[in-house]
Amino acid sequence: MKKKDILPEIFQNIKKGKNSLLWKKNVSSLLPEVSDRYLTVYLDELAPVKSRLMNLIIAIQTHRNRKVPKEAELTRKTTDDLKQMLFRKASGIKVVIVFNHFEHLTPSTARFWHDVSRHERIVFLGNLSGKFRKEAYGFYKTFEVINKSKMEEQRPTREMDITIPFLLICGVLVFVSFLKISMVSSYALLSSIWFTLLLTRTLLYILWR
């Protein structure tokens, strides 16, 4: 999609307070047009959280011609204090946070910015260039992918998840092997089942942690 096709949807989303994502397109190219209409802060990436919050607060205060807090003053504050300060400073204006690489978000970073996105005056415009962590899905659902058709075209062919069948087969093989080397008795049967369950649970924990 060309810029002239993308911008109307982005502006409509910003007006509604909805976040926008672009698949494999650097959003920094849209900064001039978005900045003409809204207070726009380009963070490149959303981590580290504390320094990005400081950047936002300074940008908002500069835009409003208000006193800009000293960096040392902001550094002494906790992340939660800075978040509450951001919410207060953003009241009454629309703030557009522009960033790249949604797929780089860690679980904790994604949860934090998801919470920030609930503020009615803060909107995100981001870029997605690959698979993101499952913990970031809640934050992802707050976005509309503008060029979603392109994303669907470029996604690799969906592969069947064989993790569960593989673990079940391993469990059965261990169960049978354990029985063969044990005396065939009720005690051996219970031991086999217990050992198999423990092994399967351990494998699931290693694969999904």
Protein backbone atom coordinates (compact mmCIF):
# COMPACT_ATOMS: atom_id res chain seq x y z
CA MET A 1 0.00 0.00 0.00
CA LYS A 2 1.16 3.51 -0.82
CA LYS A 3 1.34 6.28 1.74
CA LYS A 4 -1.73 8.03 0.30
CA ASP A 5 -3.73 4.81 0.85
CA ILE A 6 -2.41 4.19 4.36
CA LEU A 7 -2.75 7.64 5.92
CA PRO A 8 -6.56 8.02 5.74
CA GLU A 9 -7.06 4.79 7.74
CA ILE A 10 -4.41 5.78 10.25
CA PHE A 11 -5.95 9.21 10.78
CA GLN A 12 -9.38 7.64 11.18
CA ASN A 13 -8.00 5.25 13.82
CA ILE A 14 -6.23 8.07 15.68
CA LYS A 15 -9.46 10.04 15.72
CA LYS A 16 -11.26 7.03 17.23
CA GLY A 17 -8.45 6.39 19.70
CA LYS A 18 -7.54 3.08 18.05
CA ASN A 19 -3.97 1.81 17.60
CA SER A 20 -2.57 1.02 14.15
CA LEU A 21 0.07 -1.46 12.95
CA LEU A 22 1.83 -1.68 9.62
CA TRP A 23 3.25 -4.96 8.38
CA LYS A 24 6.92 -4.65 7.34
CA LYS A 25 6.76 -0.91 6.72
CA ASN A 26 8.91 1.53 8.68
CA VAL A 27 6.46 3.92 10.30
CA SER A 28 9.05 6.69 10.56
CA SER A 29 8.23 7.54 6.93
CA LEU A 30 4.77 8.68 8.10
CA LEU A 31 6.06 11.05 10.78
CA PRO A 32 5.82 14.29 8.75
CA GLU A 33 2.14 13.83 7.93
CA VAL A 34 1.09 12.57 11.38
CA SER A 35 3.12 15.28 13.15
CA ASP A 36 1.27 17.94 11.17
CA ARG A 37 -1.98 16.97 12.89
CA TYR A 38 -1.05 15.54 16.27
CA LEU A 39 1.62 15.65 18.93
CA THR A 40 3.74 12.75 17.71
CA VAL A 41 6.60 11.17 19.64
CA TYR A 42 8.90 8.77 17.79
CA LEU A 43 10.46 6.23 20.17
CA ASP A 44 11.85 3.80 17.57
CA GLU A 45 11.31 0.88 20.01
CA LEU A 46 9.28 0.71 23.24
CA ALA A 47 12.15 -0.44 25.46
CA PRO A 48 13.64 0.39 27.86
CA VAL A 49 10.36 1.49 29.40
CA LYS A 50 11.62 4.07 31.90
CA SER A 51 13.67 6.10 29.42
CA ARG A 52 10.81 6.01 26.90
CA LEU A 53 8.41 7.37 29.52
CA MET A 54 10.86 10.17 30.24
CA ASN A 55 11.06 10.97 26.52
CA LEU A 56 7.27 11.16 26.31
CA ILE A 57 6.90 13.45 29.32
CA ILE A 58 9.61 15.81 28.06
CA ALA A 59 8.07 15.89 24.55
CA ILE A 60 4.59 16.68 25.92
CA GLN A 61 5.84 19.45 28.21
CA THR A 62 7.88 20.96 25.37
CA HIS A 63 4.88 20.85 23.05
CA ARG A 64 2.67 22.60 25.62
CA ASN A 65 5.33 25.21 26.44
CA ARG A 66 5.32 24.05 30.03
CA LYS A 67 8.22 23.61 32.42
CA VAL A 68 10.24 20.56 31.40
CA PRO A 69 11.30 18.40 34.38
CA LYS A 70 15.02 17.88 34.77
CA GLU A 71 16.31 14.47 33.75
CA ALA A 72 17.67 13.83 37.26
CA GLU A 73 14.22 14.53 38.72
CA LEU A 74 12.56 12.05 36.36
CA THR A 75 15.25 9.42 36.89
CA ARG A 76 14.55 9.33 40.63
CA LYS A 77 10.92 8.41 40.03
CA THR A 78 9.65 4.85 39.69
CA THR A 79 8.22 3.54 36.45
CA ASP A 80 4.72 3.63 37.90
CA ASP A 81 5.21 7.24 39.04
CA LEU A 82 6.32 8.20 35.53
CA LYS A 83 3.30 6.42 34.03
CA GLN A 84 0.92 8.38 36.24
CA MET A 85 2.75 11.59 35.37
CA LEU A 86 2.39 10.75 31.67
CA PHE A 87 -1.36 10.26 32.11
CA ARG A 88 -1.68 13.66 33.78
CA LYS A 89 0.40 15.44 31.15
CA ALA A 90 -1.50 13.79 28.27
CA SER A 91 -4.90 15.03 29.48
CA GLY A 92 -6.51 17.40 27.02
CA ILE A 93 -4.33 16.54 24.00
CA LYS A 94 -3.93 13.59 21.65
CA VAL A 95 -0.52 11.92 21.88
CA VAL A 96 0.58 9.56 19.09
CA ILE A 97 3.42 7.20 20.03
CA VAL A 98 5.23 5.94 16.93
CA PHE A 99 7.48 2.88 17.18
CA ASN A 100 8.99 0.01 15.20
CA HIS A 101 9.41 -3.73 15.87
CA PHE A 102 6.35 -4.84 17.80
CA GLU A 103 7.85 -8.32 17.57
CA HIS A 104 10.70 -7.26 19.91
CA LEU A 105 8.36 -6.66 22.85
CA THR A 106 9.06 -8.76 25.91
CA PRO A 107 6.10 -10.01 28.01
CA SER A 108 6.60 -7.37 30.72
CA THR A 109 7.10 -4.54 28.22
CA ALA A 110 4.00 -5.57 26.26
CA ARG A 111 1.89 -5.67 29.45
CA PHE A 112 3.11 -2.23 30.49
CA TRP A 113 2.32 -0.50 27.18
CA HIS A 114 -0.97 -2.36 26.93
CA ASP A 115 -1.91 -0.68 30.20
CA VAL A 116 -0.76 2.71 28.87
CA SER A 117 -2.84 2.21 25.70
CA ARG A 118 -6.00 2.24 27.81
CA HIS A 119 -5.57 5.99 28.29
CA GLU A 120 -8.13 7.72 26.05
CA ARG A 121 -5.65 10.38 24.85
CA ILE A 122 -2.74 8.07 23.95
CA VAL A 123 -2.63 6.23 20.61
CA PHE A 124 0.05 3.93 19.18
CA LEU A 125 1.24 3.67 15.59
CA GLY A 126 3.65 0.78 15.16
CA ASN A 127 5.42 -1.60 12.85
CA LEU A 128 5.33 -5.41 12.88
CA SER A 129 7.97 -7.35 10.96
CA GLY A 130 7.69 -10.88 12.28
CA LYS A 131 6.23 -13.26 14.85
CA PHE A 132 5.66 -11.76 18.29
CA ARG A 133 5.55 -13.42 21.70
CA LYS A 134 2.24 -14.93 22.77
CA GLU A 135 2.28 -12.75 25.92
CA ALA A 136 2.01 -9.66 23.67
CA TYR A 137 -1.25 -10.89 22.10
CA GLY A 138 -3.45 -8.81 24.42
CA PHE A 139 -1.65 -5.64 23.36
CA TYR A 140 -1.71 -6.77 19.70
CA LYS A 141 -5.51 -7.05 19.82
CA THR A 142 -5.77 -3.30 20.50
CA PHE A 143 -4.28 -2.62 17.05
CA GLU A 144 -5.71 -2.66 13.56
CA VAL A 145 -3.25 -3.97 10.97
CA ILE A 146 -3.66 -1.49 8.12
CA ASN A 147 -2.09 -3.66 5.41
CA LYS A 148 -3.40 -6.96 6.79
CA SER A 149 -3.86 -8.52 3.34
CA LYS A 150 -0.13 -8.13 2.70
CA MET A 151 0.65 -9.69 6.07
CA GLU A 152 -1.56 -12.70 5.29
CA GLU A 153 0.11 -13.14 1.89
CA GLN A 154 3.61 -13.14 3.34
CA ARG A 155 2.93 -15.42 6.28
CA PRO A 156 4.50 -18.88 5.90
CA THR A 157 2.16 -21.78 5.24
CA ARG A 158 0.58 -22.77 8.51
CA GLU A 159 2.21 -25.88 9.91
CA MET A 160 0.45 -28.41 12.09
CA ASP A 161 1.51 -28.22 15.71
CA ILE A 162 2.84 -31.71 16.46
CA THR A 163 4.02 -30.93 20.00
CA ILE A 164 1.13 -32.64 21.81
CA PRO A 165 1.04 -35.77 19.56
CA PHE A 166 4.82 -36.07 19.89
CA LEU A 167 4.67 -35.91 23.68
CA LEU A 168 1.84 -38.46 23.78
CA ILE A 169 3.83 -40.87 21.60
CA CYS A 170 6.90 -40.41 23.81
CA GLY A 171 4.76 -41.06 26.86
CA VAL A 172 3.35 -44.27 25.41
CA LEU A 173 6.83 -45.51 24.43
CA VAL A 174 8.19 -44.81 27.91
CA PHE A 175 5.16 -46.50 29.45
CA VAL A 176 5.60 -49.66 27.36
CA SER A 177 9.37 -49.75 27.90
CA PHE A 178 8.98 -49.36 31.63
CA LEU A 179 6.49 -52.19 31.77
CA LYS A 180 8.80 -54.51 29.84
CA ILE A 181 11.63 -54.07 32.29
CA SER A 182 9.38 -54.31 35.32
CA MET A 183 7.43 -57.13 36.83
CA VAL A 184 3.94 -57.22 35.43
CA SER A 185 1.96 -56.40 38.54
CA SER A 186 -0.39 -53.75 39.81
CA TYR A 187 2.53 -52.05 41.53
CA ALA A 188 4.55 -51.98 38.33
CA LEU A 189 1.55 -50.67 36.40
CA LEU A 190 1.01 -47.80 38.83
CA SER A 191 4.73 -46.99 38.81
CA SER A 192 4.72 -46.89 35.01
CA ILE A 193 1.76 -44.52 34.88
CA TRP A 194 3.25 -42.23 37.53
CA PHE A 195 6.66 -42.13 35.84
CA THR A 196 5.07 -41.38 32.45
CA LEU A 197 2.99 -38.51 33.85
CA LEU A 198 6.03 -36.95 35.52
CA LEU A 199 8.10 -37.18 32.35
CA THR A 200 5.35 -35.70 30.17
CA ARG A 201 4.78 -32.80 32.58
CA THR A 202 8.53 -32.08 32.63
CA LEU A 203 8.72 -32.04 28.83
CA LEU A 204 5.72 -29.68 28.60
CA TYR A 205 7.29 -27.32 31.12
CA ILE A 206 10.61 -27.24 29.21
CA LEU A 207 8.95 -26.65 25.83
CA TRP A 208 6.41 -24.01 26.93
CA ARG A 209 8.25 -21.99 29.60
